[in-house]
Amino acid sequence: MPFFPPVVHSEKHKKIKLGCDSLQVQKPKKYKEKIKKINVSQGKRVYLFTSKGSITLEAAIVITIFMLAILSVISYITVLNKQLHNQKQINNMGIALSKLNYYKQCTEKSKKYSEDLGLLESGVQSLKQSGEIEKKTSEEGVIDIVFPYIVRIPYINKPIVLTQRCYLKDWTGYDLTKEQELVYITKNGKVYHVTKECTHLSLKISKIGVIELKIKRNCYGQAYSRCSICVNKKGTLGSEVFITEDGNKYHNSLMCSGLLRNIITVEKSKVKNMPPCSRCSGK
């Protein structure tokens, strides 16, 4: 039932009868129309651009960038493949040149070797004259081939200069190690060793408990002190440590540089400024 009686207003002798309102909340018509519009708009895609050609433009830009990236990768692979091919060729040429001295020794015994040697030398000379390769002999018995060339980047046609090199010793058929005296050094060592079996190089590592350190002695009767590399100044230790028979330090880790030995074999003539090891050289 209506709460209020109908109200009648008169305007210029005209009677307008207004409908009565109930206690129920009435929604305005404009609000309902707005809700309908919102419901209809739901589920539609929102675009960055409102013009009709914007999607085509976006697709064109993305495809262009993608194609440029693909072409860049293909260009890099093409140049790398050419480098590998050229390096293989100059390596084969270097190996052939390194055998020239050996072939020369055999030419007196074989006519075929003499013919092969002549063809090889003539081929190398023609390449040197054309400027395609450069052979350097800065050191006796060493072959150094330098091969500069120009590569044009595909699709851009921009030239870049690349240089490849082959550096190797001349092969004479003789073992140079028999004629040269070899010695052994370490990365941070101050002396050279005449044998790998030197106790400074071949360490005998043992693992003992911390309690045994007080009574343990090395082969010279010396007590063990802490390693300044792997044991901190506070002397923090685990339950076990590592020692060597001829050393005088105890270590926390097997990876300590005091236990590791990076042995390098060199010619004795190249370590003239280093004294020999008193233990393995007997001096």
C-alpha atoms as a PDB file:
ATOM      1  CA  MET A   1       0.000   0.000   0.000  1.00  0.00           C
ATOM      2  CA  PRO A   2       1.268   3.493  -0.627  1.00  0.00           C
ATOM      3  CA  PHE A   3       2.556   5.315   2.364  1.00  0.00           C
ATOM      4  CA  PHE A   4       1.526   8.803   1.274  1.00  0.00           C
ATOM      5  CA  PRO A   5      -1.734   9.839  -0.380  1.00  0.00           C
ATOM      6  CA  PRO A   6      -1.591  11.056  -3.948  1.00  0.00           C
ATOM      7  CA  VAL A   7      -0.572  14.657  -4.362  1.00  0.00           C
ATOM      8  CA  VAL A   8      -2.252  16.906  -6.920  1.00  0.00           C
ATOM      9  CA  HIS A   9      -0.581  20.040  -8.235  1.00  0.00           C
ATOM     10  CA  SER A  10      -2.298  22.580 -10.378  1.00  0.00           C
ATOM     11  CA  GLU A  11      -0.498  24.603 -12.940  1.00  0.00           C
ATOM     12  CA  LYS A  12      -2.482  26.947 -15.092  1.00  0.00           C
ATOM     13  CA  HIS A  13      -5.711  25.225 -14.213  1.00  0.00           C
ATOM     14  CA  LYS A  14      -4.264  21.851 -15.173  1.00  0.00           C
ATOM     15  CA  LYS A  15      -4.344  19.051 -12.724  1.00  0.00           C
ATOM     16  CA  ILE A  16      -1.431  16.683 -12.670  1.00  0.00           C
ATOM     17  CA  LYS A  17      -1.775  13.628 -10.584  1.00  0.00           C
ATOM     18  CA  LEU A  18       1.503  12.248  -9.365  1.00  0.00           C
ATOM     19  CA  GLY A  19       1.912   8.641  -8.549  1.00  0.00           C
ATOM     20  CA  CYS A  20       2.672   7.726  -5.008  1.00  0.00           C
ATOM     21  CA  ASP A  21       6.002   6.172  -4.043  1.00  0.00           C
ATOM     22  CA  SER A  22       6.409   3.127  -1.909  1.00  0.00           C
ATOM     23  CA  LEU A  23       9.091   2.552   0.713  1.00  0.00           C
ATOM     24  CA  GLN A  24      11.054   0.419  -1.797  1.00  0.00           C
ATOM     25  CA  VAL A  25      14.196   2.129  -3.110  1.00  0.00           C
ATOM     26  CA  GLN A  26      13.773   3.031  -6.730  1.00  0.00           C
ATOM     27  CA  LYS A  27      16.750   3.083  -9.084  1.00  0.00           C
ATOM     28  CA  PRO A  28      16.895   5.914 -11.565  1.00  0.00           C
ATOM     29  CA  LYS A  29      16.550   5.031 -15.226  1.00  0.00           C
ATOM     30  CA  LYS A  30      19.847   6.687 -16.136  1.00  0.00           C
ATOM     31  CA  TYR A  31      21.685   4.454 -13.671  1.00  0.00           C
ATOM     32  CA  LYS A  32      20.097   1.356 -15.203  1.00  0.00           C
ATOM     33  CA  GLU A  33      21.101   2.425 -18.686  1.00  0.00           C
ATOM     34  CA  LYS A  34      24.657   3.024 -17.483  1.00  0.00           C
ATOM     35  CA  ILE A  35      24.846  -0.471 -15.968  1.00  0.00           C
ATOM     36  CA  LYS A  36      23.632  -1.976 -19.227  1.00  0.00           C
ATOM     37  CA  LYS A  37      26.340  -0.153 -21.152  1.00  0.00           C
ATOM     38  CA  ILE A  38      29.027  -1.384 -18.744  1.00  0.00           C
ATOM     39  CA  ASN A  39      27.774  -4.976 -19.001  1.00  0.00           C
ATOM     40  CA  VAL A  40      27.798  -4.793 -22.765  1.00  0.00           C
ATOM     41  CA  SER A  41      31.363  -3.406 -22.803  1.00  0.00           C
ATOM     42  CA  GLN A  42      32.709  -6.243 -20.639  1.00  0.00           C
ATOM     43  CA  GLY A  43      34.654  -8.959 -22.497  1.00  0.00           C
ATOM     44  CA  LYS A  44      35.895  -6.625 -25.197  1.00  0.00           C
ATOM     45  CA  ARG A  45      39.646  -6.236 -25.901  1.00  0.00           C
ATOM     46  CA  VAL A  46      41.319  -2.931 -25.105  1.00  0.00           C
ATOM     47  CA  TYR A  47      43.710  -1.660 -27.774  1.00  0.00           C
ATOM     48  CA  LEU A  48      46.592   0.732 -27.316  1.00  0.00           C
ATOM     49  CA  PHE A  49      45.648   2.666 -30.416  1.00  0.00           C
ATOM     50  CA  THR A  50      42.177   3.541 -31.489  1.00  0.00           C
ATOM     51  CA  SER A  51      42.910   3.943 -35.200  1.00  0.00           C
ATOM     52  CA  LYS A  52      42.029   1.047 -37.466  1.00  0.00           C
ATOM     53  CA  GLY A  53      45.566   0.623 -38.891  1.00  0.00           C
ATOM     54  CA  SER A  54      47.380   0.519 -35.566  1.00  0.00           C
ATOM     55  CA  ILE A  55      47.404  -3.308 -35.320  1.00  0.00           C
ATOM     56  CA  THR A  56      48.970  -3.629 -38.763  1.00  0.00           C
ATOM     57  CA  LEU A  57      51.637  -1.087 -37.826  1.00  0.00           C
ATOM     58  CA  GLU A  58      52.477  -2.907 -34.580  1.00  0.00           C
ATOM     59  CA  ALA A  59      52.770  -6.243 -36.393  1.00  0.00           C
ATOM     60  CA  ALA A  60      55.047  -4.723 -39.036  1.00  0.00           C
ATOM     61  CA  ILE A  61      57.401  -3.276 -36.394  1.00  0.00           C
ATOM     62  CA  VAL A  62      57.586  -6.521 -34.390  1.00  0.00           C
ATOM     63  CA  ILE A  63      58.212  -8.676 -37.469  1.00  0.00           C
ATOM     64  CA  THR A  64      60.931  -6.294 -38.682  1.00  0.00           C
ATOM     65  CA  ILE A  65      62.772  -6.428 -35.339  1.00  0.00           C
ATOM     66  CA  PHE A  66      62.442 -10.219 -35.231  1.00  0.00           C
ATOM     67  CA  MET A  67      63.815 -10.622 -38.763  1.00  0.00           C
ATOM     68  CA  LEU A  68      66.767  -8.325 -37.995  1.00  0.00           C
ATOM     69  CA  ALA A  69      67.628 -10.449 -34.951  1.00  0.00           C
ATOM     70  CA  ILE A  70      67.475 -13.661 -37.014  1.00  0.00           C
ATOM     71  CA  LEU A  71      69.653 -12.161 -39.754  1.00  0.00           C
ATOM     72  CA  SER A  72      72.227 -11.007 -37.174  1.00  0.00           C
ATOM     73  CA  VAL A  73      72.545 -14.544 -35.798  1.00  0.00           C
ATOM     74  CA  ILE A  74      72.848 -15.997 -39.300  1.00  0.00           C
ATOM     75  CA  SER A  75      75.537 -13.435 -40.204  1.00  0.00           C
ATOM     76  CA  TYR A  76      77.565 -14.288 -37.094  1.00  0.00           C
ATOM     77  CA  ILE A  77      77.367 -18.024 -37.839  1.00  0.00           C
ATOM     78  CA  THR A  78      78.421 -17.418 -41.451  1.00  0.00           C
ATOM     79  CA  VAL A  79      81.511 -15.408 -40.439  1.00  0.00           C
ATOM     80  CA  LEU A  80      82.428 -17.953 -37.753  1.00  0.00           C
ATOM     81  CA  ASN A  81      82.144 -20.804 -40.245  1.00  0.00           C
ATOM     82  CA  LYS A  82      84.487 -18.994 -42.627  1.00  0.00           C
ATOM     83  CA  GLN A  83      86.996 -18.404 -39.820  1.00  0.00           C
ATOM     84  CA  LEU A  84      87.020 -22.090 -38.904  1.00  0.00           C
ATOM     85  CA  HIS A  85      87.495 -23.075 -42.539  1.00  0.00           C
ATOM     86  CA  ASN A  86      90.405 -20.647 -43.015  1.00  0.00           C
ATOM     87  CA  GLN A  87      92.056 -21.706 -39.756  1.00  0.00           C
ATOM     88  CA  LYS A  88      91.897 -25.334 -40.808  1.00  0.00           C
ATOM     89  CA  GLN A  89      93.521 -24.474 -44.131  1.00  0.00           C
ATOM     90  CA  ILE A  90      96.429 -22.498 -42.659  1.00  0.00           C
ATOM     91  CA  ASN A  91      96.949 -25.167 -39.989  1.00  0.00           C
ATOM     92  CA  ASN A  92      97.279 -27.804 -42.688  1.00  0.00           C
ATOM     93  CA  MET A  93      99.671 -25.532 -44.572  1.00  0.00           C
ATOM     94  CA  GLY A  94     101.732 -24.959 -41.426  1.00  0.00           C
ATOM     95  CA  ILE A  95     102.006 -28.690 -40.775  1.00  0.00           C
ATOM     96  CA  ALA A  96     103.100 -29.239 -44.367  1.00  0.00           C
ATOM     97  CA  LEU A  97     105.715 -26.477 -44.098  1.00  0.00           C
ATOM     98  CA  SER A  98     106.987 -27.841 -40.801  1.00  0.00           C
ATOM     99  CA  LYS A  99     107.903 -31.083 -42.566  1.00  0.00           C
ATOM    100  CA  LEU A 100     109.954 -29.367 -45.278  1.00  0.00           C
ATOM    101  CA  ASN A 101     113.266 -29.998 -43.540  1.00  0.00           C
ATOM    102  CA  TYR A 102     112.434 -33.656 -43.171  1.00  0.00           C
ATOM    103  CA  TYR A 103     111.429 -33.881 -46.820  1.00  0.00           C
ATOM    104  CA  LYS A 104     114.708 -32.258 -47.821  1.00  0.00           C
ATOM    105  CA  GLN A 105     116.570 -35.012 -46.025  1.00  0.00           C
ATOM    106  CA  CYS A 106     114.602 -37.608 -47.965  1.00  0.00           C
ATOM    107  CA  THR A 107     114.924 -36.079 -51.444  1.00  0.00           C
ATOM    108  CA  GLU A 108     118.270 -37.707 -51.965  1.00  0.00           C
ATOM    109  CA  LYS A 109     116.679 -41.131 -51.513  1.00  0.00           C
ATOM    110  CA  SER A 110     113.367 -40.642 -53.288  1.00  0.00           C
ATOM    111  CA  LYS A 111     112.487 -38.877 -56.499  1.00  0.00           C
ATOM    112  CA  LYS A 112     108.809 -38.703 -55.525  1.00  0.00           C
ATOM    113  CA  TYR A 113     109.607 -36.717 -52.385  1.00  0.00           C
ATOM    114  CA  SER A 114     111.601 -34.298 -54.497  1.00  0.00           C
ATOM    115  CA  GLU A 115     108.640 -33.681 -56.803  1.00  0.00           C
ATOM    116  CA  ASP A 116     106.232 -33.202 -53.890  1.00  0.00           C
ATOM    117  CA  LEU A 117     108.642 -30.790 -52.243  1.00  0.00           C
ATOM    118  CA  GLY A 118     108.914 -28.713 -55.402  1.00  0.00           C
ATOM    119  CA  LEU A 119     105.132 -28.453 -55.755  1.00  0.00           C
ATOM    120  CA  LEU A 120     104.731 -27.449 -52.121  1.00  0.00           C
ATOM    121  CA  GLU A 121     107.415 -24.773 -52.255  1.00  0.00           C
ATOM    122  CA  SER A 122     106.057 -23.300 -55.494  1.00  0.00           C
ATOM    123  CA  GLY A 123     102.528 -23.164 -54.045  1.00  0.00           C
ATOM    124  CA  VAL A 124     103.712 -21.367 -50.926  1.00  0.00           C
ATOM    125  CA  GLN A 125     105.769 -18.883 -52.924  1.00  0.00           C
ATOM    126  CA  SER A 126     102.798 -18.008 -55.133  1.00  0.00           C
ATOM    127  CA  LEU A 127     100.630 -17.352 -52.074  1.00  0.00           C
ATOM    128  CA  LYS A 128     103.319 -15.157 -50.514  1.00  0.00           C
ATOM    129  CA  GLN A 129     103.760 -13.127 -53.697  1.00  0.00           C
ATOM    130  CA  SER A 130     100.013 -12.572 -54.025  1.00  0.00           C
ATOM    131  CA  GLY A 131      99.916 -11.276 -50.455  1.00  0.00           C
ATOM    132  CA  GLU A 132      97.382 -13.862 -49.318  1.00  0.00           C
ATOM    133  CA  ILE A 133      99.677 -15.201 -46.615  1.00  0.00           C
ATOM    134  CA  GLU A 134     102.728 -13.930 -44.792  1.00  0.00           C
ATOM    135  CA  LYS A 135     105.382 -16.271 -43.447  1.00  0.00           C
ATOM    136  CA  LYS A 136     107.482 -15.008 -40.557  1.00  0.00           C
ATOM    137  CA  THR A 137     110.620 -16.710 -39.294  1.00  0.00           C
ATOM    138  CA  SER A 138     111.554 -14.603 -36.292  1.00  0.00           C
ATOM    139  CA  GLU A 139     112.943 -17.624 -34.498  1.00  0.00           C
ATOM    140  CA  GLU A 140     114.977 -20.467 -35.912  1.00  0.00           C
ATOM    141  CA  GLY A 141     112.950 -23.631 -36.381  1.00  0.00           C
ATOM    142  CA  VAL A 142     109.628 -21.804 -35.929  1.00  0.00           C
ATOM    143  CA  ILE A 143     106.941 -21.315 -38.585  1.00  0.00           C
ATOM    144  CA  ASP A 144     104.617 -18.329 -38.220  1.00  0.00           C
ATOM    145  CA  ILE A 145     101.873 -17.923 -40.843  1.00  0.00           C
ATOM    146  CA  VAL A 146      99.702 -14.798 -40.727  1.00  0.00           C
ATOM    147  CA  PHE A 147      96.583 -14.717 -42.922  1.00  0.00           C
ATOM    148  CA  PRO A 148      94.751 -11.337 -43.101  1.00  0.00           C
ATOM    149  CA  TYR A 149      91.558 -11.183 -45.152  1.00  0.00           C
ATOM    150  CA  ILE A 150      88.404  -9.111 -45.590  1.00  0.00           C
ATOM    151  CA  VAL A 151      84.936 -10.377 -44.753  1.00  0.00           C
ATOM    152  CA  ARG A 152      81.761  -8.612 -45.793  1.00  0.00           C
ATOM    153  CA  ILE A 153      78.900  -8.912 -43.333  1.00  0.00           C
ATOM    154  CA  PRO A 154      75.895 -10.463 -45.101  1.00  0.00           C
ATOM    155  CA  TYR A 155      72.846  -8.266 -45.754  1.00  0.00           C
ATOM    156  CA  ILE A 156      74.819  -5.168 -44.663  1.00  0.00           C
ATOM    157  CA  ASN A 157      77.786  -5.506 -47.033  1.00  0.00           C
ATOM    158  CA  LYS A 158      80.077  -3.794 -44.534  1.00  0.00           C
ATOM    159  CA  PRO A 159      83.731  -4.955 -44.831  1.00  0.00           C
ATOM    160  CA  ILE A 160      85.715  -5.960 -41.749  1.00  0.00           C
ATOM    161  CA  VAL A 161      89.351  -7.078 -41.611  1.00  0.00           C
ATOM    162  CA  LEU A 162      90.131 -10.358 -39.840  1.00  0.00           C
ATOM    163  CA  THR A 163      93.536 -11.892 -39.177  1.00  0.00           C
ATOM    164  CA  GLN A 164      94.263 -15.525 -38.415  1.00  0.00           C
ATOM    165  CA  ARG A 165      97.558 -17.073 -37.446  1.00  0.00           C
ATOM    166  CA  CYS A 166      99.334 -20.416 -37.268  1.00  0.00           C
ATOM    167  CA  TYR A 167     102.424 -20.616 -35.058  1.00  0.00           C
ATOM    168  CA  LEU A 168     104.290 -23.896 -34.675  1.00  0.00           C
ATOM    169  CA  LYS A 169     107.749 -25.404 -34.498  1.00  0.00           C
ATOM    170  CA  ASP A 170     109.541 -26.867 -37.442  1.00  0.00           C
ATOM    171  CA  TRP A 171     109.363 -30.658 -37.520  1.00  0.00           C
ATOM    172  CA  THR A 172     112.755 -32.177 -38.162  1.00  0.00           C
ATOM    173  CA  GLY A 173     112.145 -35.736 -37.035  1.00  0.00           C
ATOM    174  CA  TYR A 174     114.321 -35.388 -33.919  1.00  0.00           C
ATOM    175  CA  ASP A 175     113.259 -35.416 -30.273  1.00  0.00           C
ATOM    176  CA  LEU A 176     114.390 -32.091 -28.856  1.00  0.00           C
ATOM    177  CA  THR A 177     113.888 -33.277 -25.266  1.00  0.00           C
ATOM    178  CA  LYS A 178     116.897 -35.583 -25.654  1.00  0.00           C
ATOM    179  CA  GLU A 179     119.156 -32.663 -26.511  1.00  0.00           C
ATOM    180  CA  GLN A 180     117.807 -30.183 -23.957  1.00  0.00           C
ATOM    181  CA  GLU A 181     117.856 -30.532 -20.196  1.00  0.00           C
ATOM    182  CA  LEU A 182     114.418 -30.158 -18.662  1.00  0.00           C
ATOM    183  CA  VAL A 183     113.681 -29.071 -15.103  1.00  0.00           C
ATOM    184  CA  TYR A 184     110.518 -28.654 -13.061  1.00  0.00           C
ATOM    185  CA  ILE A 185     109.153 -25.601 -11.308  1.00  0.00           C
ATOM    186  CA  THR A 186     105.939 -24.633  -9.526  1.00  0.00           C
ATOM    187  CA  LYS A 187     103.748 -21.593 -10.091  1.00  0.00           C
ATOM    188  CA  ASN A 188     104.977 -19.711  -7.029  1.00  0.00           C
ATOM    189  CA  GLY A 189     108.219 -21.621  -6.489  1.00  0.00           C
ATOM    190  CA  LYS A 190     111.603 -19.973  -6.024  1.00  0.00           C
ATOM    191  CA  VAL A 191     113.789 -22.944  -7.024  1.00  0.00           C
ATOM    192  CA  TYR A 192     113.818 -25.486  -9.851  1.00  0.00           C
ATOM    193  CA  HIS A 193     113.812 -29.262  -9.418  1.00  0.00           C
ATOM    194  CA  VAL A 194     115.658 -31.826 -11.491  1.00  0.00           C
ATOM    195  CA  THR A 195     113.111 -34.591 -10.921  1.00  0.00           C
ATOM    196  CA  LYS A 196     109.372 -34.853 -10.371  1.00  0.00           C
ATOM    197  CA  GLU A 197     110.016 -37.305  -7.549  1.00  0.00           C
ATOM    198  CA  CYS A 198     111.472 -34.566  -5.352  1.00  0.00           C
ATOM    199  CA  THR A 199     109.720 -34.589  -1.978  1.00  0.00           C
ATOM    200  CA  HIS A 200     108.962 -30.891  -2.404  1.00  0.00           C
ATOM    201  CA  LEU A 201     106.859 -31.784  -5.458  1.00  0.00           C
ATOM    202  CA  SER A 202     105.569 -35.238  -4.543  1.00  0.00           C
ATOM    203  CA  LEU A 203     104.024 -34.667  -1.131  1.00  0.00           C
ATOM    204  CA  LYS A 204     102.933 -37.471   1.188  1.00  0.00           C
ATOM    205  CA  ILE A 205      99.917 -36.047   2.994  1.00  0.00           C
ATOM    206  CA  SER A 206      98.508 -37.565   6.189  1.00  0.00           C
ATOM    207  CA  LYS A 207      95.378 -36.797   8.186  1.00  0.00           C
ATOM    208  CA  ILE A 208      95.637 -36.726  11.984  1.00  0.00           C
ATOM    209  CA  GLY A 209      93.533 -35.556  14.898  1.00  0.00           C
ATOM    210  CA  VAL A 210      94.085 -32.147  16.469  1.00  0.00           C
ATOM    211  CA  ILE A 211      95.070 -33.749  19.774  1.00  0.00           C
ATOM    212  CA  GLU A 212      98.029 -35.497  18.108  1.00  0.00           C
ATOM    213  CA  LEU A 213      99.588 -32.212  16.939  1.00  0.00           C
ATOM    214  CA  LYS A 214     101.328 -31.626  20.260  1.00  0.00           C
ATOM    215  CA  ILE A 215     103.313 -34.856  20.047  1.00  0.00           C
ATOM    216  CA  LYS A 216     103.600 -35.228  16.246  1.00  0.00           C
ATOM    217  CA  ARG A 217     106.962 -34.453  14.571  1.00  0.00           C
ATOM    218  CA  ASN A 218     108.081 -34.423  10.942  1.00  0.00           C
ATOM    219  CA  CYS A 219     110.950 -36.436   9.488  1.00  0.00           C
ATOM    220  CA  TYR A 220     113.436 -33.794  10.678  1.00  0.00           C
ATOM    221  CA  GLY A 221     112.125 -33.848  14.259  1.00  0.00           C
ATOM    222  CA  GLN A 222     110.408 -30.459  13.966  1.00  0.00           C
ATOM    223  CA  ALA A 223     107.010 -29.628  15.480  1.00  0.00           C
ATOM    224  CA  TYR A 224     104.148 -28.497  13.259  1.00  0.00           C
ATOM    225  CA  SER A 225     102.912 -24.896  13.307  1.00  0.00           C
ATOM    226  CA  ARG A 226      99.770 -23.449  11.731  1.00  0.00           C
ATOM    227  CA  CYS A 227      99.593 -22.655   8.011  1.00  0.00           C
ATOM    228  CA  SER A 228      99.233 -18.912   7.444  1.00  0.00           C
ATOM    229  CA  ILE A 229      97.101 -19.536   4.333  1.00  0.00           C
ATOM    230  CA  CYS A 230      94.308 -21.883   5.411  1.00  0.00           C
ATOM    231  CA  VAL A 231      94.396 -21.534   9.223  1.00  0.00           C
ATOM    232  CA  ASN A 232      93.233 -18.172  10.566  1.00  0.00           C
ATOM    233  CA  LYS A 233      95.084 -16.208  13.235  1.00  0.00           C
ATOM    234  CA  LYS A 234      92.670 -17.336  15.927  1.00  0.00           C
ATOM    235  CA  GLY A 235      93.761 -20.895  15.273  1.00  0.00           C
ATOM    236  CA  THR A 236      90.240 -22.226  14.696  1.00  0.00           C
ATOM    237  CA  LEU A 237      90.514 -25.897  13.739  1.00  0.00           C
ATOM    238  CA  GLY A 238      88.250 -28.803  13.000  1.00  0.00           C
ATOM    239  CA  SER A 239      88.567 -32.228  14.526  1.00  0.00           C
ATOM    240  CA  GLU A 240      91.249 -33.236  11.972  1.00  0.00           C
ATOM    241  CA  VAL A 241      94.128 -31.532  10.154  1.00  0.00           C
ATOM    242  CA  PHE A 242      96.504 -32.406   7.300  1.00  0.00           C
ATOM    243  CA  ILE A 243     100.303 -32.627   7.503  1.00  0.00           C
ATOM    244  CA  THR A 244     103.213 -33.807   5.339  1.00  0.00           C
ATOM    245  CA  GLU A 245     106.219 -35.890   6.344  1.00  0.00           C
ATOM    246  CA  ASP A 246     108.826 -33.307   5.382  1.00  0.00           C
ATOM    247  CA  GLY A 247     106.771 -30.146   6.044  1.00  0.00           C
ATOM    248  CA  ASN A 248     106.420 -28.157   9.251  1.00  0.00           C
ATOM    249  CA  LYS A 249     102.856 -26.777   8.833  1.00  0.00           C
ATOM    250  CA  TYR A 250      99.421 -28.211   9.532  1.00  0.00           C
ATOM    251  CA  HIS A 251      96.497 -27.392   7.238  1.00  0.00           C
ATOM    252  CA  ASN A 252      92.733 -27.164   7.546  1.00  0.00           C
ATOM    253  CA  SER A 253      91.978 -28.098   3.916  1.00  0.00           C
ATOM    254  CA  LEU A 254      93.433 -30.328   1.216  1.00  0.00           C
ATOM    255  CA  MET A 255      92.769 -27.504  -1.267  1.00  0.00           C
ATOM    256  CA  CYS A 256      95.243 -25.195   0.478  1.00  0.00           C
ATOM    257  CA  SER A 257      97.850 -23.848  -1.941  1.00  0.00           C
ATOM    258  CA  GLY A 258     100.500 -24.973   0.535  1.00  0.00           C
ATOM    259  CA  LEU A 259      99.592 -28.574  -0.307  1.00  0.00           C
ATOM    260  CA  LEU A 260      98.790 -28.227  -4.008  1.00  0.00           C
ATOM    261  CA  ARG A 261     101.591 -28.422  -6.571  1.00  0.00           C
ATOM    262  CA  ASN A 262     101.155 -27.061 -10.078  1.00  0.00           C
ATOM    263  CA  ILE A 263     104.228 -28.585 -11.746  1.00  0.00           C
ATOM    264  CA  ILE A 264     105.524 -26.908 -14.923  1.00  0.00           C
ATOM    265  CA  THR A 265     108.150 -28.487 -17.195  1.00  0.00           C
ATOM    266  CA  VAL A 266     110.599 -25.972 -18.708  1.00  0.00           C
ATOM    267  CA  GLU A 267     114.038 -25.905 -20.272  1.00  0.00           C
ATOM    268  CA  LYS A 268     116.860 -25.331 -17.851  1.00  0.00           C
ATOM    269  CA  SER A 269     118.175 -22.477 -19.972  1.00  0.00           C
ATOM    270  CA  LYS A 270     114.978 -20.499 -19.253  1.00  0.00           C
ATOM    271  CA  VAL A 271     115.351 -20.587 -15.457  1.00  0.00           C
ATOM    272  CA  LYS A 272     118.920 -19.347 -15.118  1.00  0.00           C
ATOM    273  CA  ASN A 273     117.871 -16.826 -12.465  1.00  0.00           C
ATOM    274  CA  MET A 274     116.472 -19.566 -10.187  1.00  0.00           C
ATOM    275  CA  PRO A 275     118.691 -21.646  -7.876  1.00  0.00           C
ATOM    276  CA  PRO A 276     118.395 -25.444  -7.867  1.00  0.00           C
ATOM    277  CA  CYS A 277     116.540 -27.327  -5.154  1.00  0.00           C
ATOM    278  CA  SER A 278     119.019 -28.420  -2.484  1.00  0.00           C
ATOM    279  CA  ARG A 279     117.084 -31.615  -1.860  1.00  0.00           C
ATOM    280  CA  CYS A 280     116.851 -33.138  -5.347  1.00  0.00           C
ATOM    281  CA  SER A 281     119.913 -31.574  -7.001  1.00  0.00           C
ATOM    282  CA  GLY A 282     122.317 -32.478  -4.194  1.00  0.00           C
ATOM    283  CA  LYS A 283     123.745 -28.950  -4.071  1.00  0.00           C
END
